[in-house]
């Protein structure tokens, strides 16, 4: 997976996402967001473009303490020499976000001074 620090000091990882193991991969840049304890959060437009399958609806508590109902989907991420099935939560934002559940499988190193970001 390609990774870097963007000009606004956000760690970004390009992930390969597909609706299932044998479908076409889509290269998607996603911000790393350690406030998310799930795998992946994506805008509805990206979910629709890849035709991801619906899993369920779930309640989520936002940082302001409010609760919202969100739709969850299924996809696979092709990376680090394995295909990882993950739950995707739909959001109203514009950028995909990688949560700590996916990061738990890797060694993530971010060097803001040099702009380097590596996953292994």
Protein backbone atom coordinates (compact mmCIF):
# COMPACT_ATOMS: atom_id res chain seq x y z
CA UNK A 1 0.00 0.00 0.00
CA UNK A 2 1.22 3.48 -0.84
CA UNK A 3 1.20 5.95 2.04
CA UNK A 4 2.23 9.59 2.55
CA UNK A 5 1.65 12.73 4.59
CA UNK A 6 -0.28 15.35 2.62
CA UNK A 7 0.37 19.13 2.71
CA UNK A 8 -2.18 19.53 5.55
CA UNK A 9 -0.28 16.93 7.67
CA UNK A 10 -2.87 14.16 7.21
CA UNK A 11 -1.55 10.61 6.93
CA UNK A 12 -3.01 9.12 3.74
CA UNK A 13 -3.00 5.51 2.56
CA UNK A 14 -4.00 4.33 -0.91
CA UNK A 15 -6.08 1.20 -0.38
CA UNK A 16 -7.30 -1.29 -2.97
CA UNK A 17 -11.03 -1.87 -2.34
CA UNK A 18 -13.41 -4.30 -4.06
CA UNK A 19 -16.97 -5.46 -3.50
CA UNK A 20 -15.75 -9.06 -3.17
CA UNK A 21 -12.54 -11.09 -3.58
CA UNK A 22 -12.85 -11.63 -7.34
CA UNK A 23 -14.18 -8.21 -8.37
CA UNK A 24 -12.38 -5.20 -9.83
CA UNK A 25 -10.13 -3.29 -7.41
CA UNK A 26 -10.53 0.46 -6.91
CA UNK A 27 -7.53 2.47 -5.70
CA UNK A 28 -8.83 4.89 -3.07
CA UNK A 29 -6.84 7.39 -0.99
CA UNK A 30 -8.05 7.29 2.62
CA UNK A 31 -7.10 9.36 5.63
CA UNK A 32 -5.95 7.57 8.77
CA UNK A 33 -8.35 8.43 11.61
CA UNK A 34 -7.48 6.91 14.99
CA UNK A 35 -10.74 8.23 16.48
CA UNK A 36 -12.57 5.52 14.50
CA UNK A 37 -12.44 2.07 16.08
CA UNK A 38 -13.90 0.31 13.03
CA UNK A 39 -12.24 -0.67 9.77
CA UNK A 40 -13.35 1.80 7.15
CA UNK A 41 -15.74 4.75 6.76
CA UNK A 42 -16.64 5.84 3.23
CA UNK A 43 -18.87 8.41 1.51
CA UNK A 44 -22.08 7.06 0.02
CA UNK A 45 -20.94 8.08 -3.49
CA UNK A 46 -17.87 5.80 -3.28
CA UNK A 47 -19.95 2.94 -1.88
CA UNK A 48 -22.42 3.24 -4.74
CA UNK A 49 -19.66 3.50 -7.37
CA UNK A 50 -18.24 0.15 -6.20
CA UNK A 51 -21.67 -1.48 -5.70
CA UNK A 52 -20.88 -2.67 -2.18
CA UNK A 53 -23.40 -5.02 -0.57
CA UNK A 54 -25.46 -3.88 2.42
CA UNK A 55 -24.82 -5.66 5.74
CA UNK A 56 -27.06 -3.86 8.23
CA UNK A 57 -27.94 -0.54 9.84
CA UNK A 58 -26.26 0.37 13.11
CA UNK A 59 -26.38 3.13 15.70
CA UNK A 60 -23.20 5.17 16.18
CA UNK A 61 -22.25 7.69 18.85
CA UNK A 62 -20.59 10.79 17.42
CA UNK A 63 -17.90 12.83 19.13
CA UNK A 64 -20.50 15.38 20.28
CA UNK A 65 -22.40 12.58 22.09
CA UNK A 66 -25.30 12.42 19.66
CA UNK A 67 -26.45 9.11 18.18
CA UNK A 68 -27.11 8.52 14.49
CA UNK A 69 -28.19 5.49 12.45
CA UNK A 70 -25.68 4.50 9.79
CA UNK A 71 -25.77 1.89 7.03
CA UNK A 72 -23.00 -0.72 6.97
CA UNK A 73 -21.62 -2.49 3.89
CA UNK A 74 -19.16 -5.25 3.06
CA UNK A 75 -15.97 -5.03 1.01
CA UNK A 76 -12.51 -6.51 0.76
CA UNK A 77 -9.23 -4.65 0.97
CA UNK A 78 -6.33 -6.09 -0.98
CA UNK A 79 -3.16 -5.19 0.83
CA UNK A 80 -0.07 -6.40 2.62
CA UNK A 81 -0.19 -9.73 0.77
CA UNK A 82 -3.66 -10.69 1.94
CA UNK A 83 -7.30 -10.00 1.14
CA UNK A 84 -9.03 -8.59 4.21
CA UNK A 85 -12.85 -8.67 4.49
CA UNK A 86 -14.07 -5.53 6.25
CA UNK A 87 -17.19 -3.72 7.32
CA UNK A 88 -17.65 -0.28 5.77
CA UNK A 89 -19.72 2.38 7.49
CA UNK A 90 -21.41 4.95 5.26
CA UNK A 91 -20.89 8.60 6.14
CA UNK A 92 -21.87 11.98 4.77
CA UNK A 93 -18.27 13.15 4.38
CA UNK A 94 -16.22 13.33 1.20
CA UNK A 95 -13.12 11.32 2.14
CA UNK A 96 -12.72 7.65 3.10
CA UNK A 97 -11.31 7.13 6.60
CA UNK A 98 -9.28 4.16 7.87
CA UNK A 99 -9.96 3.19 11.47
CA UNK A 100 -7.90 1.40 14.10
CA UNK A 101 -9.44 -2.05 13.44
CA UNK A 102 -7.63 -2.14 10.08
CA UNK A 103 -4.48 -0.53 11.48
CA UNK A 104 -4.23 -3.19 14.21
CA UNK A 105 -2.79 -5.57 11.58
CA UNK A 106 0.11 -3.33 10.55
CA UNK A 107 3.11 -1.40 11.78
CA UNK A 108 2.34 2.24 10.92
CA UNK A 109 5.12 4.81 10.95
CA UNK A 110 4.46 8.49 10.24
CA UNK A 111 7.27 11.03 9.91
CA UNK A 112 5.68 14.47 9.65
CA UNK A 113 9.04 16.17 9.24
CA UNK A 114 9.88 14.26 6.04
CA UNK A 115 6.31 13.57 4.87
CA UNK A 116 6.95 9.82 4.88
CA UNK A 117 4.35 7.31 5.95
CA UNK A 118 4.97 3.55 5.85
CA UNK A 119 2.91 0.45 6.60
CA UNK A 120 4.35 -3.02 7.00
